[in-house]
Amino acid sequence: MSLTEKDKAAVKALWGKISKSADAIGADALGRMLCVYPQTKTYFSHWPDLSTGSAPVKKHGKTVMGGVAVGVSKIDDLCAGLLDLSELHAFKLRVDPANFKILSQCIQVVIAIMFPKDFTEETHVSFDKFMAALALALSDKYR
């Protein structure tokens, strides 16, 4: 599955509309992931508070969306653009790459809630393909 030029344009257009709310999207999406998929809490057991809206969840949500922003800016070569993040998650953090897909879905749920008029069916398809490609790029160093 590759991103077409139309997909890339749709992702960039959506990002232009939602990027100012990226921190809130990330915090809500991460909070949802930790609640809906409690097995993901394993990676954050050192945090004093894993509840939605807590300071650590907000901070890491911002970090996650910073990575998505990098992906949008490097959309033409996600593997090279996300190499450092891939190495960090594979070798240092040792995150199960299946969690990238889980968080991707949570991010899309939040975008759909916060931006229902902008997250059309067509945009959803393109953004989902982008997030799948981003998750695959983050998983690159696991192979």
Protein backbone atom coordinates (compact mmCIF):
# COMPACT_ATOMS: atom_id res chain seq x y z
CA MET A 1 0.00 0.00 0.00
CA SER A 2 1.60 3.21 -1.10
CA LEU A 3 0.47 6.77 -0.75
CA THR A 4 -0.66 8.41 -3.96
CA GLU A 5 -0.06 12.08 -4.63
CA LYS A 6 -3.76 12.60 -3.89
CA ASP A 7 -3.34 10.84 -0.52
CA LYS A 8 -0.32 12.98 0.32
CA ALA A 9 -2.17 16.16 -0.58
CA ALA A 10 -5.15 15.12 1.56
CA VAL A 11 -2.91 14.34 4.54
CA LYS A 12 -1.06 17.65 4.24
CA ALA A 13 -4.34 19.57 3.90
CA LEU A 14 -5.81 17.86 6.96
CA TRP A 15 -2.63 18.42 8.94
CA GLY A 16 -2.79 22.11 8.04
CA LYS A 17 -6.23 22.27 9.65
CA ILE A 18 -5.54 20.16 12.75
CA SER A 19 -1.89 20.87 13.59
CA LYS A 20 -2.76 23.74 15.96
CA SER A 21 -4.69 21.20 18.04
CA ALA A 22 -2.03 18.48 17.80
CA ASP A 23 -1.17 18.56 21.51
CA ALA A 24 -4.82 18.07 22.51
CA ILE A 25 -5.27 15.33 19.89
CA GLY A 26 -2.19 13.51 21.15
CA ALA A 27 -3.16 13.76 24.81
CA ASP A 28 -6.69 12.51 24.16
CA ALA A 29 -5.52 9.73 21.84
CA LEU A 30 -2.86 8.50 24.28
CA GLY A 31 -5.33 8.63 27.16
CA ARG A 32 -7.82 6.61 25.11
CA MET A 33 -5.20 4.05 24.21
CA LEU A 34 -4.18 3.54 27.84
CA CYS A 35 -7.82 3.16 28.89
CA VAL A 36 -9.14 1.04 26.03
CA TYR A 37 -5.99 -1.07 25.64
CA PRO A 38 -4.69 -1.43 29.23
CA GLN A 39 -1.88 -3.73 28.11
CA THR A 40 -0.18 -0.63 26.67
CA LYS A 41 0.30 0.74 30.19
CA THR A 42 3.29 -1.60 30.52
CA TYR A 43 5.52 0.90 28.75
CA PHE A 44 4.54 3.73 31.06
CA SER A 45 4.64 2.02 34.47
CA HIS A 46 7.20 4.59 35.66
CA TRP A 47 4.64 7.39 35.35
CA PRO A 48 2.91 8.41 38.58
CA ASP A 49 -0.44 8.96 36.86
CA LEU A 50 -1.68 7.18 33.72
CA SER A 51 -5.14 8.74 33.72
CA THR A 52 -6.48 10.68 30.78
CA GLY A 53 -5.55 14.34 31.16
CA SER A 54 -2.64 13.72 33.55
CA ALA A 55 0.57 15.68 33.02
CA PRO A 56 2.61 12.68 31.77
CA VAL A 57 -0.12 11.66 29.31
CA LYS A 58 -0.40 15.21 27.98
CA LYS A 59 3.37 15.53 27.66
CA HIS A 60 3.81 12.25 25.81
CA GLY A 61 0.76 12.94 23.65
CA LYS A 62 2.51 16.12 22.53
CA THR A 63 5.66 14.11 21.81
CA VAL A 64 3.69 11.54 19.78
CA MET A 65 2.08 14.22 17.67
CA GLY A 66 5.49 15.80 17.14
CA GLY A 67 6.47 12.49 15.56
CA VAL A 68 3.35 12.58 13.38
CA ALA A 69 4.32 16.12 12.33
CA VAL A 70 7.76 14.84 11.31
CA GLY A 71 6.02 12.11 9.33
CA VAL A 72 3.87 14.64 7.50
CA SER A 73 6.96 16.70 6.66
CA LYS A 74 8.84 13.58 5.48
CA ILE A 75 5.83 11.99 3.77
CA ASP A 76 7.83 11.20 0.62
CA ASP A 77 10.33 9.02 2.52
CA LEU A 78 8.91 8.00 5.88
CA CYS A 79 11.52 5.31 6.59
CA ALA A 80 14.41 7.74 6.28
CA GLY A 81 12.49 10.56 7.94
CA LEU A 82 11.56 8.47 10.96
CA LEU A 83 14.80 6.49 11.24
CA ASP A 84 15.79 7.97 14.60
CA LEU A 85 12.35 7.30 16.08
CA SER A 86 12.37 3.77 14.71
CA GLU A 87 15.75 3.06 16.29
CA LEU A 88 14.66 4.61 19.60
CA HIS A 89 11.50 2.51 19.82
CA ALA A 90 13.17 -0.70 18.63
CA PHE A 91 16.45 -0.66 20.51
CA LYS A 92 16.00 1.52 23.58
CA LEU A 93 12.30 1.56 24.42
CA ARG A 94 11.54 -1.90 22.97
CA VAL A 95 7.94 -1.04 22.20
CA ASP A 96 5.86 -3.76 20.55
CA PRO A 97 5.25 -2.34 17.05
CA ALA A 98 1.62 -3.51 17.20
CA ASN A 99 1.07 -0.58 19.55
CA PHE A 100 1.81 1.89 16.74
CA LYS A 101 -1.30 0.66 14.94
CA ILE A 102 -3.36 0.86 18.12
CA LEU A 103 -2.30 4.44 18.78
CA SER A 104 -2.87 5.30 15.12
CA GLN A 105 -6.49 4.24 15.43
CA CYS A 106 -6.92 6.24 18.63
CA ILE A 107 -5.48 9.33 16.92
CA GLN A 108 -7.96 8.92 14.08
CA VAL A 109 -10.88 8.56 16.49
CA VAL A 110 -9.93 11.82 18.18
CA ILE A 111 -9.51 13.63 14.87
CA ALA A 112 -12.94 12.40 13.78
CA ILE A 113 -14.46 13.71 17.00
CA MET A 114 -12.67 17.06 16.98
CA PHE A 115 -12.81 17.74 13.24
CA PRO A 116 -15.90 15.95 11.87
CA LYS A 117 -16.33 18.28 8.88
CA ASP A 118 -12.69 17.98 7.85
CA PHE A 119 -12.32 14.24 8.44
CA THR A 120 -14.44 13.17 5.48
CA GLU A 121 -14.56 9.61 4.23
CA GLU A 122 -12.02 10.41 1.53
CA THR A 123 -9.69 12.15 3.97
CA HIS A 124 -10.11 9.27 6.41
CA VAL A 125 -8.94 6.78 3.78
CA SER A 126 -5.87 8.85 2.95
CA PHE A 127 -5.00 9.57 6.58
CA ASP A 128 -5.46 5.92 7.53
CA LYS A 129 -3.06 4.90 4.74
CA PHE A 130 -0.60 7.53 5.96
CA MET A 131 -0.80 6.34 9.56
CA ALA A 132 -0.34 2.73 8.43
CA ALA A 133 2.74 3.79 6.46
CA LEU A 134 4.00 5.75 9.46
CA ALA A 135 3.54 2.72 11.74
CA LEU A 136 5.39 0.56 9.21
CA ALA A 137 8.25 3.08 9.04
CA LEU A 138 8.49 3.12 12.83
CA SER A 139 8.67 -0.69 12.73
CA ASP A 140 11.46 -0.67 10.15
CA LYS A 141 14.32 -1.30 12.61
CA TYR A 142 12.51 -4.26 14.19
CA ARG A 143 13.35 -6.38 11.15
